[in-house]
Structure formats: C-alpha cells, structure tokens
N, C-alpha and C. Protein backbone atom coordinates (compact mmCIF):
# COMPACT_ATOMS: atom_id res chain seq x y z
N UNK A 1 0.84 -1.06 0.48
CA UNK A 1 -0.04 0.62 -0.23
C UNK A 1 0.78 1.50 -0.09
N UNK A 2 0.05 2.13 -0.55
CA UNK A 2 1.01 3.34 -0.74
C UNK A 2 0.75 4.64 0.35
N UNK A 3 1.51 5.56 0.53
CA UNK A 3 0.75 6.67 0.91
C UNK A 3 -0.02 7.54 0.07
N UNK A 4 -1.04 8.11 1.23
CA UNK A 4 -2.64 8.82 0.34
C UNK A 4 -1.07 10.05 -0.60
N UNK A 5 -0.26 10.59 0.29
CA UNK A 5 0.10 12.00 0.14
C UNK A 5 0.85 11.62 -1.09
N UNK A 6 2.03 10.34 -1.68
CA UNK A 6 3.49 10.74 -2.05
C UNK A 6 3.67 9.53 -2.40
N UNK A 7 2.71 9.11 -2.61
CA UNK A 7 2.96 7.38 -3.45
C UNK A 7 3.63 6.31 -2.91
N UNK A 8 4.86 7.22 -1.80
CA UNK A 8 5.77 6.42 -1.02
C UNK A 8 5.38 4.63 -0.70
N UNK A 9 5.92 4.03 -0.07
CA UNK A 9 5.44 2.46 0.88
C UNK A 9 4.39 3.47 1.73
N UNK A 10 3.63 3.49 2.36
CA UNK A 10 3.02 3.49 3.74
C UNK A 10 3.10 2.71 4.72
N UNK A 11 3.71 3.24 5.88
CA UNK A 11 4.09 2.45 7.30
C UNK A 11 2.31 2.51 8.12
N UNK A 12 1.50 3.05 8.01
CA UNK A 12 0.34 3.07 8.88
C UNK A 12 -0.98 3.07 8.15
N UNK A 13 -1.63 3.22 8.67
CA UNK A 13 -2.81 3.63 8.21
C UNK A 13 -4.03 4.33 9.03
N UNK A 14 -5.21 5.67 8.81
CA UNK A 14 -4.61 6.63 8.93
C UNK A 14 -6.21 5.87 10.32
N UNK A 15 -6.47 6.06 11.82
CA UNK A 15 -7.57 5.32 12.02
C UNK A 15 -8.77 6.05 12.28
N UNK A 16 -8.83 7.06 11.59
CA UNK A 16 -10.35 7.39 11.60
C UNK A 16 -10.97 7.29 10.00
N UNK A 17 -10.06 7.32 8.63
CA UNK A 17 -10.78 6.50 7.75
C UNK A 17 -10.00 5.65 6.85
N UNK A 18 -8.62 5.32 7.52
CA UNK A 18 -8.37 4.18 6.30
C UNK A 18 -7.39 4.00 5.32
N UNK A 19 -6.97 5.36 5.62
CA UNK A 19 -6.09 6.21 4.14
C UNK A 19 -4.41 5.90 4.66
N UNK A 20 -3.92 5.18 3.90
CA UNK A 20 -1.99 5.28 4.43
C UNK A 20 -1.98 5.72 3.97
N UNK A 21 -0.35 5.62 5.26
CA UNK A 21 0.46 6.77 5.91
C UNK A 21 1.48 6.71 6.32
N UNK A 22 2.66 7.38 5.25
CA UNK A 22 4.60 6.80 5.73
C UNK A 22 4.25 7.69 6.36
N UNK A 23 5.81 6.97 7.30
CA UNK A 23 6.41 8.16 8.26
C UNK A 23 6.42 9.60 8.43
N UNK A 24 6.58 10.02 6.98
CA UNK A 24 6.51 11.49 6.76
C UNK A 24 5.57 12.34 6.95
N UNK A 25 4.45 11.71 6.26
CA UNK A 25 3.36 12.29 6.53
C UNK A 25 2.27 11.96 7.51
N UNK A 26 2.93 11.16 8.50
CA UNK A 26 1.12 10.64 9.42
C UNK A 26 1.33 12.21 10.54
N UNK A 27 0.28 12.54 11.30
CA UNK A 27 0.32 12.77 12.21
C UNK A 27 -0.31 12.41 12.92
N UNK A 28 -0.84 12.82 14.40
CA UNK A 28 -1.77 11.56 15.41
C UNK A 28 -2.77 12.93 15.85
N UNK A 29 -3.81 12.61 16.79
CA UNK A 29 -5.07 12.21 17.65
C UNK A 29 -4.82 11.71 18.04
N UNK A 30 -6.11 12.01 19.22
CA UNK A 30 -5.69 11.41 20.61
C UNK A 30 -7.53 10.30 19.71
N UNK A 31 -7.48 9.32 20.57
CA UNK A 31 -8.87 8.67 19.82
C UNK A 31 -9.61 7.73 20.90
N UNK A 32 -11.20 8.09 20.49
CA UNK A 32 -12.19 7.36 22.27
C UNK A 32 -11.76 5.74 21.78
N UNK A 33 -11.44 5.01 22.94
CA UNK A 33 -11.73 3.91 22.23
C UNK A 33 -13.34 3.45 23.39
N UNK A 34 -13.41 3.68 24.03
CA UNK A 34 -14.36 3.25 25.10
C UNK A 34 -14.87 4.75 25.74
N UNK A 35 -16.48 4.37 25.88
CA UNK A 35 -16.63 5.35 27.23
C UNK A 35 -17.87 4.78 28.02
N UNK A 36 -17.36 5.44 29.11
CA UNK A 36 -18.48 5.23 30.80
C UNK A 36 -19.37 5.85 31.24
N UNK A 37 -20.08 5.23 31.48
CA UNK A 37 -21.24 6.43 32.62
C UNK A 37 -21.10 5.93 34.18
N UNK A 38 -20.54 6.90 34.63
CA UNK A 38 -20.20 5.93 36.44
C UNK A 38 -21.18 6.03 36.75
N UNK A 39 -21.72 5.46 38.21
CA UNK A 39 -23.01 5.68 39.02
C UNK A 39 -22.83 6.53 38.85
N UNK A 40 -22.29 7.80 39.60
CA UNK A 40 -22.50 9.05 39.91
C UNK A 40 -22.83 9.50 38.41
N UNK A 41 -23.23 9.54 37.61
CA UNK A 41 -23.91 10.56 36.65
C UNK A 41 -22.74 10.96 35.38
N UNK A 42 -21.98 9.85 35.65
CA UNK A 42 -20.69 11.25 34.91
C UNK A 42 -20.25 10.07 33.66
N UNK A 43 -19.53 11.03 32.48
CA UNK A 43 -19.04 10.08 32.12
C UNK A 43 -17.67 10.20 32.19
N UNK A 44 -17.08 8.83 31.38
CA UNK A 44 -15.51 8.62 31.66
C UNK A 44 -15.50 7.88 30.15
N UNK A 45 -14.42 8.41 29.46
CA UNK A 45 -13.62 7.75 28.46
C UNK A 45 -12.01 7.14 28.37
N UNK A 46 -12.00 5.93 27.81
CA UNK A 46 -10.74 5.42 27.63
C UNK A 46 -9.90 6.12 26.44
N UNK A 47 -9.03 6.55 26.21
CA UNK A 47 -8.42 7.38 25.16
C UNK A 47 -6.94 7.03 25.06
N UNK A 48 -6.75 6.80 23.65
CA UNK A 48 -4.81 6.48 23.62
C UNK A 48 -4.63 8.21 22.47
N UNK A 49 -4.03 8.02 23.31
CA UNK A 49 -3.37 9.68 23.22
C UNK A 49 -2.70 9.98 21.30
N UNK A 50 -1.84 8.98 21.09
CA UNK A 50 -2.00 9.60 19.86
C UNK A 50 -1.81 8.58 18.50
N UNK A 51 -2.97 7.90 18.27
CA UNK A 51 -3.42 7.61 17.11
C UNK A 51 -2.78 7.58 15.53
N UNK A 52 -2.70 7.36 14.94
CA UNK A 52 -2.01 7.46 13.17
C UNK A 52 -3.28 8.77 12.55
N UNK A 53 -3.20 9.45 12.22
CA UNK A 53 -4.04 10.29 11.51
C UNK A 53 -3.49 11.13 10.34
N UNK A 54 -4.09 10.74 8.78
CA UNK A 54 -3.59 11.52 8.14
C UNK A 54 -3.97 12.59 7.91
N UNK A 55 -3.79 13.52 8.26
CA UNK A 55 -3.62 14.89 8.08
C UNK A 55 -4.81 15.43 7.32
N UNK A 56 -5.94 14.20 6.23
CA UNK A 56 -6.78 14.96 5.51
C UNK A 56 -7.78 14.71 5.38
N UNK A 57 -8.59 14.15 6.73
CA UNK A 57 -10.32 12.96 6.99
C UNK A 57 -10.28 14.75 8.27
N UNK A 58 -11.32 14.57 8.71
CA UNK A 58 -11.81 15.60 9.03
C UNK A 58 -13.07 14.98 10.45
N UNK A 59 -12.27 14.57 11.37
CA UNK A 59 -13.31 13.49 12.75
C UNK A 59 -14.18 14.83 13.04
N UNK A 60 -15.36 14.43 13.27
CA UNK A 60 -16.08 15.18 14.09
C UNK A 60 -16.02 15.44 15.66
N UNK A 61 -16.03 16.31 16.08
CA UNK A 61 -15.93 16.96 17.08
C UNK A 61 -17.09 16.76 17.70
N UNK A 62 -18.60 16.23 17.70
CA UNK A 62 -19.12 15.86 17.92
C UNK A 62 -20.24 14.86 17.50
N UNK A 63 -20.82 13.79 18.39
CA UNK A 63 -22.23 13.14 17.35
C UNK A 63 -22.79 13.68 16.97
N UNK A 64 -22.59 12.45 16.07
CA UNK A 64 -23.82 13.11 15.15
C UNK A 64 -25.22 11.87 15.33
N UNK A 65 -26.48 12.44 14.67
CA UNK A 65 -27.45 11.73 14.31
C UNK A 65 -27.33 10.78 13.85
N UNK A 66 -27.93 9.35 13.91
CA UNK A 66 -27.97 8.19 12.57
C UNK A 66 -29.67 7.64 12.87
N UNK A 67 -29.96 7.51 11.81
CA UNK A 67 -31.21 7.27 11.75
C UNK A 67 -31.49 5.63 10.67
N UNK A 68 -32.52 5.02 11.35
CA UNK A 68 -32.48 3.73 11.08
C UNK A 68 -32.04 2.24 11.59
N UNK A 69 -32.00 3.33 12.86
CA UNK A 69 -30.84 2.01 13.72
C UNK A 69 -31.80 2.49 14.69
N UNK A 70 -32.94 2.36 14.89
CA UNK A 70 -34.01 2.66 16.26
C UNK A 70 -35.30 1.48 15.54
N UNK A 71 -35.69 0.52 16.33
CA UNK A 71 -36.45 -0.08 16.67
C UNK A 71 -38.06 0.48 17.24
C-alpha cells in the first residue's frame, strides 16, 4: 500500500478513515476507544493519546445522529 500524500510505501493507516500514510506524512490525534457512564452520572472515556491520523479527513468533534437504527 502507498501513502495517500506521496505514493511512497506506507507505514500505517489513519485510525479515522483508513488512508495509508508514510512516516513523513503521519500525524496523530487522540482516539476514544470506550465511554463509560459512572454510577454518579458522569461519563469517562478510555483514550489512546497518539493514534495515526492522515491529516486529510475531518473527524467530527461532536456525535452525529444516525437514523434507521432505532427499532
């Protein structure tokens, strides 16, 4: 697989969109792997601090609504 930016061999893929990136073009962003609702009503998250990011895609900061999944 080749880098999305430069067509050289890739070293990883973006956690958010799956684009391949080489070491030179890799960026990082935090990634939430799990959310927990505590007994006292608070939310906590398990976060990986520096996951691979292509620099092209735009992960949303806020959740979005998804229709058609409710029964």
